[in-house]
Amino acid sequence: MRLVFLGPPGAGKGTQSELLKRRLGVPQLSTGDMLRGAVRAASPVGLKAKAIMDAGQLVSDDVVIGIVAERIEEADAGQGFILDGFPRTVAQAEALEELLAERALRLDGVLELEVNEAALVSRIEKRVEETRAVGGVVRADDQPETLKARLDAYKVQTSPVSTYYDQRGLLYRVNGMLPIDTVTGSIEEQLAAMRAVHQQELR
């Protein structure tokens, strides 16, 4: 299966995508890992990305798309992949659609973990209190202010991507606030729904 996995910081996307990767037997492709891999491999697009990053600049959409294009052609992605952290914008979603169409491929679906932001922040605040109570060190990522800023950025940047895929009938929503096993079960149900749609199209 070819999937995009969306979800805000703290939604449990990392946990669920790792479980999903094992169940489906396909690679989980994160933008950061793909960038580092392309740089290590010294591929043409990897060298271009390295030059941009060495100059302290942000890697442009065309370079990111080039890296995704290279990565999905590797042998382990032959039966599918899970894109994590990409696409982040509608422009990237459109470019991904075009890239796949050129290869006579398409996405099976887009899984989005939905969360209650207030509850997420409250959960983090509680974790910080517990960590401090036992004399532990609070990570920068676990600061409630940091999480709020990341949630705001995600909302502005990625909400339009959800709408884009929803309008194409590709978006499958999952309640990310439930226990891990329950979320996993909900994801399985959505995957079954995707397969059913695919079977209908083949008839």
Foldseek 3Di string as FASTA:
>chain_A
DAEEEAEFPQLCSVVLVVVVCVVVQAEEDELVVLLVVCLVVVDVLNVVSVVQVVVVHDDDLVSSLVSVLVVCPDPRCPVYYYYYHPPQAVVRVVSVQVSQVVVVHDHLAYEYADEDLVVSLVVLVVVVVVCVVVPHDDDPCSHSVNSVVRRVVSCVGRVVVQVVRVVVVRYDYFHSVDDPVVSSVSVVVVVVVSVVVVVVVVD
